[in-house]
C-alpha atoms as a PDB file:
ATOM      1  CA  MET A   1     -71.132   3.178 -36.647  1.00  0.00           C
ATOM      2  CA  ASP A   2     -69.776   0.053 -35.599  1.00  0.00           C
ATOM      3  CA  ASP A   3     -73.091  -1.539 -35.853  1.00  0.00           C
ATOM      4  CA  ASN A   4     -73.136  -0.556 -39.289  1.00  0.00           C
ATOM      5  CA  ALA A   5     -69.753  -1.996 -40.221  1.00  0.00           C
ATOM      6  CA  SER A   6     -70.333  -5.641 -38.664  1.00  0.00           C
ATOM      7  CA  GLU A   7     -74.174  -5.717 -40.669  1.00  0.00           C
ATOM      8  CA  SER A   8     -72.577  -4.787 -44.265  1.00  0.00           C
ATOM      9  CA  ALA A   9     -69.643  -7.327 -43.068  1.00  0.00           C
ATOM     10  CA  VAL A  10     -72.651 -10.538 -42.417  1.00  0.00           C
ATOM     11  CA  GLU A  11     -74.851  -9.483 -45.519  1.00  0.00           C
ATOM     12  CA  ASP A  12     -71.270  -9.915 -47.563  1.00  0.00           C
ATOM     13  CA  SER A  13     -71.064 -12.964 -46.214  1.00  0.00           C
ATOM     14  CA  VAL A  14     -74.457 -14.258 -47.176  1.00  0.00           C
ATOM     15  CA  SER A  15     -73.342 -13.658 -50.732  1.00  0.00           C
ATOM     16  CA  SER A  16     -70.628 -15.498 -50.748  1.00  0.00           C
ATOM     17  CA  GLU A  17     -69.869 -19.522 -51.915  1.00  0.00           C
ATOM     18  CA  GLU A  18     -69.669 -19.801 -47.809  1.00  0.00           C
ATOM     19  CA  PRO A  19     -72.558 -18.593 -46.297  1.00  0.00           C
ATOM     20  CA  VAL A  20     -72.118 -17.521 -42.841  1.00  0.00           C
ATOM     21  CA  VAL A  21     -75.315 -17.548 -40.664  1.00  0.00           C
ATOM     22  CA  SER A  22     -75.859 -14.913 -38.133  1.00  0.00           C
ATOM     23  CA  ASP A  23     -78.606 -16.221 -35.829  1.00  0.00           C
ATOM     24  CA  GLU A  24     -80.786 -19.310 -35.298  1.00  0.00           C
ATOM     25  CA  VAL A  25     -83.602 -17.392 -37.012  1.00  0.00           C
ATOM     26  CA  ASP A  26     -81.916 -17.895 -40.235  1.00  0.00           C
ATOM     27  CA  ALA A  27     -81.018 -21.124 -39.429  1.00  0.00           C
ATOM     28  CA  SER A  28     -84.472 -22.839 -38.934  1.00  0.00           C
ATOM     29  CA  GLU A  29     -85.824 -20.665 -42.036  1.00  0.00           C
ATOM     30  CA  GLY A  30     -83.063 -22.360 -44.803  1.00  0.00           C
ATOM     31  CA  GLU A  31     -84.018 -25.766 -43.503  1.00  0.00           C
ATOM     32  CA  GLU A  32     -87.667 -24.902 -43.935  1.00  0.00           C
ATOM     33  CA  GLN A  33     -86.973 -23.912 -47.232  1.00  0.00           C
ATOM     34  CA  GLU A  34     -84.797 -26.696 -47.763  1.00  0.00           C
ATOM     35  CA  GLN A  35     -87.024 -29.207 -46.600  1.00  0.00           C
ATOM     36  CA  PRO A  36     -88.534 -31.558 -49.661  1.00  0.00           C
ATOM     37  CA  ILE A  37     -92.547 -31.914 -49.674  1.00  0.00           C
ATOM     38  CA  GLU A  38     -93.235 -35.458 -50.471  1.00  0.00           C
ATOM     39  CA  ALA A  39     -97.028 -37.278 -50.038  1.00  0.00           C
ATOM     40  CA  ASP A  40     -98.374 -39.044 -48.208  1.00  0.00           C
ATOM     41  CA  GLU A  41     -99.710 -42.568 -48.797  1.00  0.00           C
ATOM     42  CA  ASN A  42    -102.399 -42.138 -46.196  1.00  0.00           C
ATOM     43  CA  ILE A  43    -103.553 -39.029 -47.109  1.00  0.00           C
ATOM     44  CA  MET A  44    -103.108 -40.328 -50.830  1.00  0.00           C
ATOM     45  CA  GLU A  45    -105.449 -43.653 -49.385  1.00  0.00           C
ATOM     46  CA  THR A  46    -108.444 -40.684 -48.834  1.00  0.00           C
ATOM     47  CA  MET A  47    -108.589 -38.955 -51.484  1.00  0.00           C
ATOM     48  CA  THR A  48    -110.717 -39.198 -55.313  1.00  0.00           C
ATOM     49  CA  CYS A  49    -108.985 -38.532 -58.375  1.00  0.00           C
ATOM     50  CA  ASP A  50    -111.699 -37.939 -60.942  1.00  0.00           C
ATOM     51  CA  LEU A  51    -110.799 -38.192 -64.988  1.00  0.00           C
ATOM     52  CA  PHE A  52    -112.293 -36.437 -67.521  1.00  0.00           C
ATOM     53  CA  ASP A  53    -111.826 -34.987 -71.662  1.00  0.00           C
ATOM     54  CA  ALA A  54    -111.887 -31.967 -73.201  1.00  0.00           C
ATOM     55  CA  SER A  55    -115.721 -33.111 -74.459  1.00  0.00           C
ATOM     56  CA  GLU A  56    -116.489 -32.642 -70.389  1.00  0.00           C
ATOM     57  CA  SER A  57    -116.211 -29.101 -70.328  1.00  0.00           C
ATOM     58  CA  GLU A  58    -116.032 -26.426 -73.308  1.00  0.00           C
ATOM     59  CA  GLU A  59    -115.321 -23.883 -70.955  1.00  0.00           C
ATOM     60  CA  LEU A  60    -111.789 -26.088 -70.046  1.00  0.00           C
ATOM     61  CA  THR A  61    -110.954 -26.528 -73.968  1.00  0.00           C
ATOM     62  CA  MET A  62    -111.002 -22.633 -74.786  1.00  0.00           C
ATOM     63  CA  MET A  63    -108.634 -21.941 -71.687  1.00  0.00           C
ATOM     64  CA  TYR A  64    -105.990 -24.844 -72.441  1.00  0.00           C
ATOM     65  CA  GLY A  65    -106.924 -26.350 -75.701  1.00  0.00           C
ATOM     66  CA  TYR A  66    -108.219 -29.400 -76.750  1.00  0.00           C
ATOM     67  CA  PHE A  67    -106.675 -31.706 -74.542  1.00  0.00           C
ATOM     68  CA  ASP A  68    -107.040 -35.520 -74.517  1.00  0.00           C
ATOM     69  CA  LEU A  69    -107.257 -36.535 -70.990  1.00  0.00           C
ATOM     70  CA  ALA A  70    -107.090 -34.483 -67.733  1.00  0.00           C
ATOM     71  CA  ALA A  71    -107.320 -35.492 -64.279  1.00  0.00           C
ATOM     72  CA  SER A  72    -108.652 -33.472 -60.964  1.00  0.00           C
ATOM     73  CA  VAL A  73    -107.850 -34.197 -57.063  1.00  0.00           C
ATOM     74  CA  GLU A  74    -109.161 -32.018 -54.198  1.00  0.00           C
ATOM     75  CA  VAL A  75    -106.197 -30.565 -51.681  1.00  0.00           C
ATOM     76  CA  GLY A  76    -108.913 -29.690 -49.050  1.00  0.00           C
ATOM     77  CA  GLU A  77    -109.774 -26.255 -48.178  1.00  0.00           C
ATOM     78  CA  LYS A  78    -107.637 -23.082 -47.246  1.00  0.00           C
ATOM     79  CA  ASP A  79    -108.219 -20.154 -46.339  1.00  0.00           C
ATOM     80  CA  GLY A  80    -112.078 -20.725 -47.252  1.00  0.00           C
ATOM     81  CA  ASP A  81    -111.473 -21.867 -50.739  1.00  0.00           C
ATOM     82  CA  THR A  82    -111.779 -25.817 -52.354  1.00  0.00           C
ATOM     83  CA  TRP A  83    -108.354 -26.207 -54.061  1.00  0.00           C
ATOM     84  CA  TRP A  84    -107.718 -29.213 -56.350  1.00  0.00           C
ATOM     85  CA  VAL A  85    -104.939 -30.744 -58.417  1.00  0.00           C
ATOM     86  CA  VAL A  86    -105.382 -31.255 -62.079  1.00  0.00           C
ATOM     87  CA  ILE A  87    -103.199 -32.611 -64.577  1.00  0.00           C
ATOM     88  CA  PHE A  88    -104.503 -31.892 -67.931  1.00  0.00           C
ATOM     89  CA  GLU A  89    -102.406 -33.935 -70.722  1.00  0.00           C
ATOM     90  CA  TRP A  90    -102.506 -33.890 -74.507  1.00  0.00           C
ATOM     91  CA  ASP A  91    -101.201 -37.523 -76.891  1.00  0.00           C
ATOM     92  CA  GLY A  92     -99.087 -36.603 -79.747  1.00  0.00           C
ATOM     93  CA  GLU A  93     -99.624 -37.553 -83.431  1.00  0.00           C
ATOM     94  CA  ASP A  94     -98.641 -41.031 -82.145  1.00  0.00           C
ATOM     95  CA  GLY A  95    -101.111 -41.357 -79.701  1.00  0.00           C
ATOM     96  CA  VAL A  96     -98.416 -41.772 -76.952  1.00  0.00           C
ATOM     97  CA  VAL A  97     -98.500 -38.293 -73.844  1.00  0.00           C
ATOM     98  CA  ASP A  98     -96.886 -35.994 -75.750  1.00  0.00           C
ATOM     99  CA  LEU A  99     -97.377 -33.148 -73.057  1.00  0.00           C
ATOM    100  CA  ARG A 100     -98.382 -32.528 -69.183  1.00  0.00           C
ATOM    101  CA  GLU A 101     -99.512 -29.208 -67.360  1.00  0.00           C
ATOM    102  CA  VAL A 102    -100.073 -29.368 -63.720  1.00  0.00           C
ATOM    103  CA  TYR A 103    -102.509 -26.818 -62.269  1.00  0.00           C
ATOM    104  CA  LEU A 104    -103.362 -26.060 -58.669  1.00  0.00           C
ATOM    105  CA  THR A 105    -107.281 -23.982 -58.889  1.00  0.00           C
ATOM    106  CA  ASN A 106    -109.653 -23.632 -56.460  1.00  0.00           C
ATOM    107  CA  SER A 107    -112.364 -22.973 -59.373  1.00  0.00           C
ATOM    108  CA  LEU A 108    -113.851 -26.718 -59.859  1.00  0.00           C
ATOM    109  CA  GLU A 109    -116.854 -25.338 -57.702  1.00  0.00           C
ATOM    110  CA  MET A 110    -117.204 -22.149 -59.601  1.00  0.00           C
ATOM    111  CA  PRO A 111    -119.945 -20.992 -62.325  1.00  0.00           C
ATOM    112  CA  SER A 112    -117.130 -20.112 -64.379  1.00  0.00           C
ATOM    113  CA  TYR A 113    -113.380 -22.131 -64.501  1.00  0.00           C
ATOM    114  CA  ARG A 114    -112.366 -18.555 -65.344  1.00  0.00           C
ATOM    115  CA  ASP A 115    -113.391 -17.057 -61.583  1.00  0.00           C
ATOM    116  CA  GLY A 116    -110.910 -18.614 -59.501  1.00  0.00           C
ATOM    117  CA  VAL A 117    -107.114 -18.822 -59.711  1.00  0.00           C
ATOM    118  CA  TRP A 118    -105.028 -21.408 -61.698  1.00  0.00           C
ATOM    119  CA  ILE A 119    -101.382 -21.658 -60.483  1.00  0.00           C
ATOM    120  CA  GLU A 120     -99.169 -23.289 -62.777  1.00  0.00           C
ATOM    121  CA  LEU A 121     -96.851 -26.758 -60.657  1.00  0.00           C
ATOM    122  CA  LYS A 122     -93.656 -26.182 -62.656  1.00  0.00           C
ATOM    123  CA  SER A 123     -91.945 -29.146 -62.394  1.00  0.00           C
ATOM    124  CA  GLY A 124     -88.408 -28.866 -60.430  1.00  0.00           C
ATOM    125  CA  ASP A 125     -89.189 -26.581 -57.646  1.00  0.00           C
ATOM    126  CA  ARG A 126     -93.496 -26.889 -57.660  1.00  0.00           C
ATOM    127  CA  TRP A 127     -94.741 -25.567 -54.814  1.00  0.00           C
ATOM    128  CA  ARG A 128     -92.302 -22.441 -55.050  1.00  0.00           C
ATOM    129  CA  ASN A 129     -95.704 -19.917 -55.672  1.00  0.00           C
ATOM    130  CA  VAL A 130     -98.392 -21.684 -53.000  1.00  0.00           C
ATOM    131  CA  ASP A 131     -98.027 -19.590 -50.087  1.00  0.00           C
ATOM    132  CA  TRP A 132     -99.214 -23.163 -47.725  1.00  0.00           C
ATOM    133  CA  ASP A 133     -97.913 -24.576 -44.435  1.00  0.00           C
ATOM    134  CA  HIS A 134     -95.847 -27.600 -44.298  1.00  0.00           C
ATOM    135  CA  ASP A 135     -99.127 -30.293 -44.056  1.00  0.00           C
ATOM    136  CA  MET A 136    -101.333 -28.258 -46.918  1.00  0.00           C
ATOM    137  CA  LEU A 137     -98.434 -28.690 -49.037  1.00  0.00           C
ATOM    138  CA  VAL A 138     -98.004 -32.358 -48.080  1.00  0.00           C
ATOM    139  CA  ARG A 139    -101.640 -32.513 -48.537  1.00  0.00           C
ATOM    140  CA  GLY A 140    -101.158 -31.118 -52.251  1.00  0.00           C
ATOM    141  CA  GLN A 141     -98.587 -33.246 -53.001  1.00  0.00           C
ATOM    142  CA  SER A 142    -100.447 -36.329 -52.175  1.00  0.00           C
ATOM    143  CA  ALA A 143    -102.931 -34.630 -54.604  1.00  0.00           C
ATOM    144  CA  PHE A 144    -100.358 -34.113 -57.112  1.00  0.00           C
ATOM    145  CA  ASP A 145     -99.278 -38.185 -56.963  1.00  0.00           C
ATOM    146  CA  LEU A 146    -102.472 -39.520 -57.316  1.00  0.00           C
ATOM    147  CA  ALA A 147    -103.534 -37.638 -60.204  1.00  0.00           C
ATOM    148  CA  TRP A 148     -99.830 -38.046 -61.835  1.00  0.00           C
ATOM    149  CA  GLU A 149    -100.339 -41.985 -60.830  1.00  0.00           C
ATOM    150  CA  THR A 150    -103.602 -42.583 -62.529  1.00  0.00           C
ATOM    151  CA  LEU A 151    -103.305 -40.453 -65.326  1.00  0.00           C
ATOM    152  CA  VAL A 152    -100.332 -42.989 -66.080  1.00  0.00           C
ATOM    153  CA  ASN A 153    -102.268 -45.678 -65.653  1.00  0.00           C
ATOM    154  CA  SER A 154    -104.991 -45.054 -67.212  1.00  0.00           C
END
């Protein structure tokens, strides 16, 4: 019974403003989650960015609307699938970019883009919904940075 009391005390302390870490495993997991994912310039130099517009894909236009320009960069292979970062951008009435949406997809080599997975990578915690190891996430961030820079400079 004393063991249960100490377990609830640990649970209570985790929810408080000043969390108490009960063992080293929890501490290392917390550090891993807080580690920022940053692009690697050396990886980016090995990547290629392809630009395309809506006229090149009726299927993508049906899925995402008539975008003005898009960029895709291959991230690499994970679990037998090749993954890409794709950024779509839409211009406003004044011709200035009004909106950009970022996706991670494995569908660019499939017969139909609808056959694959499209994960929206929202700003903030961009990689929250992606279950990859740190090295693959760095490749993903590198692909994102290259695609973004290419669009901004086009």
